[in-house]
């Protein structure tokens, strides 16, 4: 399924979610339209050499802390700090820009992102997209793994929740630039993002799909699917964006 078809499919799912809250897709004047942002950033990243930003990722620079100091030397994440290795460049760059303009709220990430240039964001995004590292995640929230597996593979249409795999791929390794890998993600982070979409602290999701899903999931379901996704094999390195 190509990206256009995949986004249309996700839109169809979103329109069918009864709990879906309404909001504009142009969330901030300084960032691209939400439905296109990841692809736009990926196209820009094609002109940036990630090797030029490896030292920034590993060591930081002045007031810019090193990514590795929180996300791990191999981008594996820890606790409520997410895995970056194997996420798409467009998705990572989109999130850094969202932190920089205040669309995503995390004081540490906002502090760093506000100090990064666009080229630095794009270079760091490509650096972590090209990184392959084993999983450092595992179930830790006491979630029902069988229920989590059911939600990930089949969804639950009794509560209008599609399968995670329907948008994020059959291995949960992500699809194109906009739909990130969920496999081997730190469960505390996944759970925290589902909670943030539920209470409105996070809004940047294509066609607002994640807001609707998160509202429909109970707290037990959030824990279950977060723990299950943490059991999956880590994603491979992502291919470089096309020039």
C-alpha atoms as a PDB file:
ATOM      1  CA  UNK A   1       0.000   0.000   0.000  1.00  0.00           C
ATOM      2  CA  UNK A   2       1.539   3.358  -1.034  1.00  0.00           C
ATOM      3  CA  UNK A   3       1.477   6.368   1.259  1.00  0.00           C
ATOM      4  CA  UNK A   4      -1.476   8.085  -0.389  1.00  0.00           C
ATOM      5  CA  UNK A   5      -3.570   4.939  -0.111  1.00  0.00           C
ATOM      6  CA  UNK A   6      -2.409   4.390   3.445  1.00  0.00           C
ATOM      7  CA  UNK A   7      -3.369   7.901   4.523  1.00  0.00           C
ATOM      8  CA  UNK A   8      -6.751   7.548   2.830  1.00  0.00           C
ATOM      9  CA  UNK A   9      -7.257   4.270   4.663  1.00  0.00           C
ATOM     10  CA  UNK A  10      -6.358   5.916   7.974  1.00  0.00           C
ATOM     11  CA  UNK A  11      -8.736   8.777   7.189  1.00  0.00           C
ATOM     12  CA  UNK A  12     -11.537   6.302   6.553  1.00  0.00           C
ATOM     13  CA  UNK A  13     -10.839   4.696   9.903  1.00  0.00           C
ATOM     14  CA  UNK A  14     -10.820   8.069  11.609  1.00  0.00           C
ATOM     15  CA  UNK A  15     -14.139   9.115  10.136  1.00  0.00           C
ATOM     16  CA  UNK A  16     -15.651   5.952  11.569  1.00  0.00           C
ATOM     17  CA  UNK A  17     -14.509   6.612  15.130  1.00  0.00           C
ATOM     18  CA  UNK A  18     -17.440   7.938  17.149  1.00  0.00           C
ATOM     19  CA  UNK A  19     -15.202   9.421  19.855  1.00  0.00           C
ATOM     20  CA  UNK A  20     -13.062  11.419  17.436  1.00  0.00           C
ATOM     21  CA  UNK A  21     -12.638  15.044  18.592  1.00  0.00           C
ATOM     22  CA  UNK A  22     -12.535  17.780  15.964  1.00  0.00           C
ATOM     23  CA  UNK A  23      -9.519  20.020  15.338  1.00  0.00           C
ATOM     24  CA  UNK A  24      -7.793  21.672  12.400  1.00  0.00           C
ATOM     25  CA  UNK A  25      -4.973  19.894  10.651  1.00  0.00           C
ATOM     26  CA  UNK A  26      -2.963  23.140  10.432  1.00  0.00           C
ATOM     27  CA  UNK A  27      -2.016  23.117  14.094  1.00  0.00           C
ATOM     28  CA  UNK A  28       0.611  25.883  14.065  1.00  0.00           C
ATOM     29  CA  UNK A  29       1.611  28.505  11.464  1.00  0.00           C
ATOM     30  CA  UNK A  30       5.293  27.534  11.660  1.00  0.00           C
ATOM     31  CA  UNK A  31       4.859  23.838  10.801  1.00  0.00           C
ATOM     32  CA  UNK A  32       3.399  22.098   7.733  1.00  0.00           C
ATOM     33  CA  UNK A  33      -0.114  20.697   7.630  1.00  0.00           C
ATOM     34  CA  UNK A  34      -0.315  17.719   9.973  1.00  0.00           C
ATOM     35  CA  UNK A  35      -1.280  15.262   7.247  1.00  0.00           C
ATOM     36  CA  UNK A  36       1.801  16.099   5.145  1.00  0.00           C
ATOM     37  CA  UNK A  37       4.427  17.161   7.676  1.00  0.00           C
ATOM     38  CA  UNK A  38       6.403  13.925   7.983  1.00  0.00           C
ATOM     39  CA  UNK A  39       6.774  13.556   4.207  1.00  0.00           C
ATOM     40  CA  UNK A  40       7.808  17.191   3.833  1.00  0.00           C
ATOM     41  CA  UNK A  41      10.490  16.881   6.506  1.00  0.00           C
ATOM     42  CA  UNK A  42      11.734  13.619   4.996  1.00  0.00           C
ATOM     43  CA  UNK A  43      12.159  15.304   1.616  1.00  0.00           C
ATOM     44  CA  UNK A  44      14.152  18.100   3.234  1.00  0.00           C
ATOM     45  CA  UNK A  45      16.267  15.585   5.147  1.00  0.00           C
ATOM     46  CA  UNK A  46      17.435  14.002   1.893  1.00  0.00           C
ATOM     47  CA  UNK A  47      19.790  16.961   1.432  1.00  0.00           C
ATOM     48  CA  UNK A  48      21.408  16.596   4.871  1.00  0.00           C
ATOM     49  CA  UNK A  49      24.302  14.257   5.684  1.00  0.00           C
ATOM     50  CA  UNK A  50      23.590  12.517   9.015  1.00  0.00           C
ATOM     51  CA  UNK A  51      27.310  11.923   9.575  1.00  0.00           C
ATOM     52  CA  UNK A  52      27.696  15.658  10.129  1.00  0.00           C
ATOM     53  CA  UNK A  53      25.430  15.418  13.180  1.00  0.00           C
ATOM     54  CA  UNK A  54      26.664  12.197  14.785  1.00  0.00           C
ATOM     55  CA  UNK A  55      28.807  14.083  17.279  1.00  0.00           C
ATOM     56  CA  UNK A  56      25.862  16.291  18.245  1.00  0.00           C
ATOM     57  CA  UNK A  57      23.812  13.161  18.934  1.00  0.00           C
ATOM     58  CA  UNK A  58      26.573  11.532  20.990  1.00  0.00           C
ATOM     59  CA  UNK A  59      28.079  14.519  22.812  1.00  0.00           C
ATOM     60  CA  UNK A  60      25.768  17.513  22.458  1.00  0.00           C
ATOM     61  CA  UNK A  61      27.001  21.038  21.860  1.00  0.00           C
ATOM     62  CA  UNK A  62      26.978  23.786  24.482  1.00  0.00           C
ATOM     63  CA  UNK A  63      23.421  24.206  25.766  1.00  0.00           C
ATOM     64  CA  UNK A  64      22.180  21.405  23.507  1.00  0.00           C
ATOM     65  CA  UNK A  65      22.348  18.183  25.506  1.00  0.00           C
ATOM     66  CA  UNK A  66      23.417  15.030  23.736  1.00  0.00           C
ATOM     67  CA  UNK A  67      20.544  12.834  22.549  1.00  0.00           C
ATOM     68  CA  UNK A  68      22.441   9.797  23.821  1.00  0.00           C
ATOM     69  CA  UNK A  69      22.493  11.099  27.393  1.00  0.00           C
ATOM     70  CA  UNK A  70      18.753  10.399  27.650  1.00  0.00           C
ATOM     71  CA  UNK A  71      17.873   8.100  24.740  1.00  0.00           C
ATOM     72  CA  UNK A  72      20.860   5.777  25.126  1.00  0.00           C
ATOM     73  CA  UNK A  73      24.023   5.239  23.118  1.00  0.00           C
ATOM     74  CA  UNK A  74      22.140   3.017  20.680  1.00  0.00           C
ATOM     75  CA  UNK A  75      18.911   5.015  20.620  1.00  0.00           C
ATOM     76  CA  UNK A  76      17.164   2.284  22.592  1.00  0.00           C
ATOM     77  CA  UNK A  77      15.353   4.519  25.089  1.00  0.00           C
ATOM     78  CA  UNK A  78      14.696   3.829  28.754  1.00  0.00           C
ATOM     79  CA  UNK A  79      11.588   4.035  30.926  1.00  0.00           C
ATOM     80  CA  UNK A  80       9.505   7.005  29.792  1.00  0.00           C
ATOM     81  CA  UNK A  81      12.209   8.069  27.311  1.00  0.00           C
ATOM     82  CA  UNK A  82      11.439   6.687  23.851  1.00  0.00           C
ATOM     83  CA  UNK A  83      13.399   4.494  21.508  1.00  0.00           C
ATOM     84  CA  UNK A  84      14.596   6.521  18.503  1.00  0.00           C
ATOM     85  CA  UNK A  85      16.552   3.876  16.570  1.00  0.00           C
ATOM     86  CA  UNK A  86      14.668   2.800  13.459  1.00  0.00           C
ATOM     87  CA  UNK A  87      12.015   5.530  13.521  1.00  0.00           C
ATOM     88  CA  UNK A  88      11.579   7.307  10.196  1.00  0.00           C
ATOM     89  CA  UNK A  89      13.496  10.524   9.610  1.00  0.00           C
ATOM     90  CA  UNK A  90      10.333  12.414   8.680  1.00  0.00           C
ATOM     91  CA  UNK A  91       8.579  11.353  11.870  1.00  0.00           C
ATOM     92  CA  UNK A  92      11.508  12.308  14.128  1.00  0.00           C
ATOM     93  CA  UNK A  93      11.947  15.701  12.453  1.00  0.00           C
ATOM     94  CA  UNK A  94       8.225  16.338  12.755  1.00  0.00           C
ATOM     95  CA  UNK A  95       8.315  15.672  16.496  1.00  0.00           C
ATOM     96  CA  UNK A  96      11.362  17.914  17.035  1.00  0.00           C
ATOM     97  CA  UNK A  97       9.569  20.736  15.258  1.00  0.00           C
ATOM     98  CA  UNK A  98       6.434  20.092  17.294  1.00  0.00           C
ATOM     99  CA  UNK A  99       8.442  20.449  20.510  1.00  0.00           C
ATOM    100  CA  UNK A 100      10.131  23.599  19.220  1.00  0.00           C
ATOM    101  CA  UNK A 101       6.817  25.392  18.589  1.00  0.00           C
ATOM    102  CA  UNK A 102       5.022  23.978  21.640  1.00  0.00           C
ATOM    103  CA  UNK A 103       2.699  21.503  19.932  1.00  0.00           C
ATOM    104  CA  UNK A 104       4.206  18.754  22.087  1.00  0.00           C
ATOM    105  CA  UNK A 105       4.802  19.414  25.755  1.00  0.00           C
ATOM    106  CA  UNK A 106       7.904  18.061  27.459  1.00  0.00           C
ATOM    107  CA  UNK A 107      10.136  20.578  29.191  1.00  0.00           C
ATOM    108  CA  UNK A 108      13.389  18.730  28.485  1.00  0.00           C
ATOM    109  CA  UNK A 109      12.608  18.196  24.807  1.00  0.00           C
ATOM    110  CA  UNK A 110      11.312  21.732  24.362  1.00  0.00           C
ATOM    111  CA  UNK A 111      14.513  23.100  25.903  1.00  0.00           C
ATOM    112  CA  UNK A 112      16.642  21.152  23.411  1.00  0.00           C
ATOM    113  CA  UNK A 113      14.465  21.507  20.301  1.00  0.00           C
ATOM    114  CA  UNK A 114      14.183  25.280  20.643  1.00  0.00           C
ATOM    115  CA  UNK A 115      17.977  25.508  20.348  1.00  0.00           C
ATOM    116  CA  UNK A 116      18.328  23.286  17.261  1.00  0.00           C
ATOM    117  CA  UNK A 117      18.526  24.628  13.720  1.00  0.00           C
ATOM    118  CA  UNK A 118      16.416  23.019  11.013  1.00  0.00           C
ATOM    119  CA  UNK A 119      19.476  21.302   9.543  1.00  0.00           C
ATOM    120  CA  UNK A 120      20.370  19.933  12.982  1.00  0.00           C
ATOM    121  CA  UNK A 121      16.863  18.545  13.425  1.00  0.00           C
ATOM    122  CA  UNK A 122      16.972  16.921  10.010  1.00  0.00           C
ATOM    123  CA  UNK A 123      20.484  15.571  10.517  1.00  0.00           C
ATOM    124  CA  UNK A 124      19.627  14.053  13.903  1.00  0.00           C
ATOM    125  CA  UNK A 125      16.453  12.580  12.429  1.00  0.00           C
ATOM    126  CA  UNK A 126      18.407  10.830   9.681  1.00  0.00           C
ATOM    127  CA  UNK A 127      21.088   9.707  12.147  1.00  0.00           C
ATOM    128  CA  UNK A 128      18.568   7.834  14.297  1.00  0.00           C
ATOM    129  CA  UNK A 129      16.515   6.557  11.375  1.00  0.00           C
ATOM    130  CA  UNK A 130      19.643   4.812  10.050  1.00  0.00           C
ATOM    131  CA  UNK A 131      20.444   3.295  13.442  1.00  0.00           C
ATOM    132  CA  UNK A 132      19.699  -0.365  14.137  1.00  0.00           C
ATOM    133  CA  UNK A 133      19.861  -1.661  17.695  1.00  0.00           C
ATOM    134  CA  UNK A 134      18.314  -4.565  19.612  1.00  0.00           C
ATOM    135  CA  UNK A 135      15.298  -4.078  21.820  1.00  0.00           C
ATOM    136  CA  UNK A 136      15.827  -2.833  25.358  1.00  0.00           C
ATOM    137  CA  UNK A 137      12.103  -2.902  26.130  1.00  0.00           C
ATOM    138  CA  UNK A 138       9.833  -5.401  27.813  1.00  0.00           C
ATOM    139  CA  UNK A 139       6.475  -5.535  29.593  1.00  0.00           C
ATOM    140  CA  UNK A 140       6.510  -3.523  32.805  1.00  0.00           C
ATOM    141  CA  UNK A 141       3.029  -2.051  33.270  1.00  0.00           C
ATOM    142  CA  UNK A 142       1.177  -5.187  34.356  1.00  0.00           C
ATOM    143  CA  UNK A 143      -0.859  -5.200  31.146  1.00  0.00           C
ATOM    144  CA  UNK A 144      -2.773  -8.212  29.840  1.00  0.00           C
ATOM    145  CA  UNK A 145      -0.520  -9.328  26.973  1.00  0.00           C
ATOM    146  CA  UNK A 146      -3.217 -11.379  25.260  1.00  0.00           C
ATOM    147  CA  UNK A 147      -5.555  -8.389  25.255  1.00  0.00           C
ATOM    148  CA  UNK A 148      -2.702  -6.240  23.972  1.00  0.00           C
ATOM    149  CA  UNK A 149      -2.023  -8.712  21.180  1.00  0.00           C
ATOM    150  CA  UNK A 150      -5.706  -8.684  20.211  1.00  0.00           C
ATOM    151  CA  UNK A 151      -5.770  -4.896  20.040  1.00  0.00           C
ATOM    152  CA  UNK A 152      -2.531  -4.730  18.045  1.00  0.00           C
ATOM    153  CA  UNK A 153      -3.474  -7.390  15.484  1.00  0.00           C
ATOM    154  CA  UNK A 154      -7.273  -7.153  15.243  1.00  0.00           C
ATOM    155  CA  UNK A 155      -8.368  -4.042  17.120  1.00  0.00           C
ATOM    156  CA  UNK A 156     -11.739  -3.977  18.878  1.00  0.00           C
ATOM    157  CA  UNK A 157     -14.585  -2.701  16.772  1.00  0.00           C
ATOM    158  CA  UNK A 158     -16.990  -2.933  19.721  1.00  0.00           C
ATOM    159  CA  UNK A 159     -15.235   0.217  20.949  1.00  0.00           C
ATOM    160  CA  UNK A 160     -14.346   1.542  17.452  1.00  0.00           C
ATOM    161  CA  UNK A 161     -10.622   0.815  17.741  1.00  0.00           C
ATOM    162  CA  UNK A 162      -8.792  -0.417  14.612  1.00  0.00           C
ATOM    163  CA  UNK A 163      -5.770  -2.695  14.820  1.00  0.00           C
ATOM    164  CA  UNK A 164      -2.437  -0.980  15.474  1.00  0.00           C
ATOM    165  CA  UNK A 165      -1.048  -3.029  12.597  1.00  0.00           C
ATOM    166  CA  UNK A 166      -3.579  -1.563  10.136  1.00  0.00           C
ATOM    167  CA  UNK A 167      -1.650   1.728  10.113  1.00  0.00           C
ATOM    168  CA  UNK A 168       1.733   0.894  11.647  1.00  0.00           C
ATOM    169  CA  UNK A 169       2.469  -2.183   9.544  1.00  0.00           C
ATOM    170  CA  UNK A 170       2.184  -5.948   9.980  1.00  0.00           C
ATOM    171  CA  UNK A 171       5.319  -6.069  12.160  1.00  0.00           C
ATOM    172  CA  UNK A 172       4.577  -2.700  13.818  1.00  0.00           C
ATOM    173  CA  UNK A 173       7.774  -1.406  12.186  1.00  0.00           C
ATOM    174  CA  UNK A 174       6.004   1.640  10.781  1.00  0.00           C
ATOM    175  CA  UNK A 175       4.780   2.597   7.318  1.00  0.00           C
ATOM    176  CA  UNK A 176       6.403   5.298   5.189  1.00  0.00           C
ATOM    177  CA  UNK A 177       7.270   8.488   7.110  1.00  0.00           C
ATOM    178  CA  UNK A 178       4.063   9.375   8.926  1.00  0.00           C
ATOM    179  CA  UNK A 179       3.277   6.135  10.773  1.00  0.00           C
ATOM    180  CA  UNK A 180       6.093   5.345  13.229  1.00  0.00           C
ATOM    181  CA  UNK A 181       7.374   2.017  14.406  1.00  0.00           C
ATOM    182  CA  UNK A 182       5.762   0.868  17.658  1.00  0.00           C
ATOM    183  CA  UNK A 183       7.706  -2.368  18.017  1.00  0.00           C
ATOM    184  CA  UNK A 184      10.194  -2.529  20.917  1.00  0.00           C
ATOM    185  CA  UNK A 185       9.115   0.915  22.084  1.00  0.00           C
ATOM    186  CA  UNK A 186       9.439   1.539  25.808  1.00  0.00           C
ATOM    187  CA  UNK A 187       6.003   0.681  27.268  1.00  0.00           C
ATOM    188  CA  UNK A 188       5.965   3.551  29.763  1.00  0.00           C
ATOM    189  CA  UNK A 189       6.478   5.948  26.849  1.00  0.00           C
ATOM    190  CA  UNK A 190       3.758   4.361  24.704  1.00  0.00           C
ATOM    191  CA  UNK A 191       1.353   4.466  27.632  1.00  0.00           C
ATOM    192  CA  UNK A 192       2.224   8.102  28.374  1.00  0.00           C
ATOM    193  CA  UNK A 193       1.512   9.112  24.767  1.00  0.00           C
ATOM    194  CA  UNK A 194      -1.858   7.359  24.748  1.00  0.00           C
ATOM    195  CA  UNK A 195      -2.692   9.212  27.966  1.00  0.00           C
ATOM    196  CA  UNK A 196      -1.503  12.508  26.461  1.00  0.00           C
ATOM    197  CA  UNK A 197      -3.743  12.077  23.412  1.00  0.00           C
ATOM    198  CA  UNK A 198      -6.647  11.283  25.728  1.00  0.00           C
ATOM    199  CA  UNK A 199      -6.349  14.413  27.869  1.00  0.00           C
ATOM    200  CA  UNK A 200      -5.337  16.772  25.061  1.00  0.00           C
ATOM    201  CA  UNK A 201      -1.687  17.305  25.994  1.00  0.00           C
ATOM    202  CA  UNK A 202      -0.696  15.865  22.615  1.00  0.00           C
ATOM    203  CA  UNK A 203      -2.560  16.700  19.412  1.00  0.00           C
ATOM    204  CA  UNK A 204      -0.222  16.069  16.469  1.00  0.00           C
ATOM    205  CA  UNK A 205      -1.621  12.946  14.829  1.00  0.00           C
ATOM    206  CA  UNK A 206      -2.564  12.639  11.119  1.00  0.00           C
ATOM    207  CA  UNK A 207      -6.348  12.975  10.714  1.00  0.00           C
ATOM    208  CA  UNK A 208      -6.504  12.983  14.537  1.00  0.00           C
ATOM    209  CA  UNK A 209      -6.669   9.211  14.457  1.00  0.00           C
ATOM    210  CA  UNK A 210      -4.739   8.675  17.675  1.00  0.00           C
ATOM    211  CA  UNK A 211      -6.942  11.043  19.649  1.00  0.00           C
ATOM    212  CA  UNK A 212     -10.009   8.995  18.799  1.00  0.00           C
ATOM    213  CA  UNK A 213      -8.338   5.675  19.534  1.00  0.00           C
ATOM    214  CA  UNK A 214      -6.915   6.872  22.835  1.00  0.00           C
ATOM    215  CA  UNK A 215     -10.273   8.164  24.015  1.00  0.00           C
ATOM    216  CA  UNK A 216     -11.806   4.757  23.273  1.00  0.00           C
ATOM    217  CA  UNK A 217      -9.172   2.700  25.110  1.00  0.00           C
ATOM    218  CA  UNK A 218      -9.561   2.074  28.818  1.00  0.00           C
ATOM    219  CA  UNK A 219      -6.576   2.509  31.101  1.00  0.00           C
ATOM    220  CA  UNK A 220      -6.214  -1.279  31.232  1.00  0.00           C
ATOM    221  CA  UNK A 221      -6.226  -1.423  27.416  1.00  0.00           C
ATOM    222  CA  UNK A 222      -3.568   1.282  27.217  1.00  0.00           C
ATOM    223  CA  UNK A 223      -1.339  -0.750  29.528  1.00  0.00           C
ATOM    224  CA  UNK A 224      -2.076  -3.982  27.690  1.00  0.00           C
ATOM    225  CA  UNK A 225      -1.191  -2.730  24.210  1.00  0.00           C
ATOM    226  CA  UNK A 226       1.852  -0.789  25.468  1.00  0.00           C
ATOM    227  CA  UNK A 227       3.238  -3.899  27.151  1.00  0.00           C
ATOM    228  CA  UNK A 228       2.506  -6.125  24.147  1.00  0.00           C
ATOM    229  CA  UNK A 229       4.226  -3.798  21.662  1.00  0.00           C
ATOM    230  CA  UNK A 230       7.295  -3.820  23.910  1.00  0.00           C
ATOM    231  CA  UNK A 231       7.636  -7.586  23.350  1.00  0.00           C
ATOM    232  CA  UNK A 232       8.041  -7.253  19.571  1.00  0.00           C
ATOM    233  CA  UNK A 233      11.377  -7.388  17.721  1.00  0.00           C
ATOM    234  CA  UNK A 234      13.026  -4.037  17.141  1.00  0.00           C
ATOM    235  CA  UNK A 235      12.686  -2.404  13.714  1.00  0.00           C
ATOM    236  CA  UNK A 236      15.538  -2.411  11.205  1.00  0.00           C
ATOM    237  CA  UNK A 237      17.335   0.724  10.133  1.00  0.00           C
ATOM    238  CA  UNK A 238      15.224   2.867   7.823  1.00  0.00           C
ATOM    239  CA  UNK A 239      16.264   3.568   4.265  1.00  0.00           C
ATOM    240  CA  UNK A 240      17.490   7.080   3.495  1.00  0.00           C
ATOM    241  CA  UNK A 241      14.804   9.452   2.200  1.00  0.00           C
ATOM    242  CA  UNK A 242      14.712   9.796  -1.575  1.00  0.00           C
ATOM    243  CA  UNK A 243      16.493  12.785  -3.042  1.00  0.00           C
END
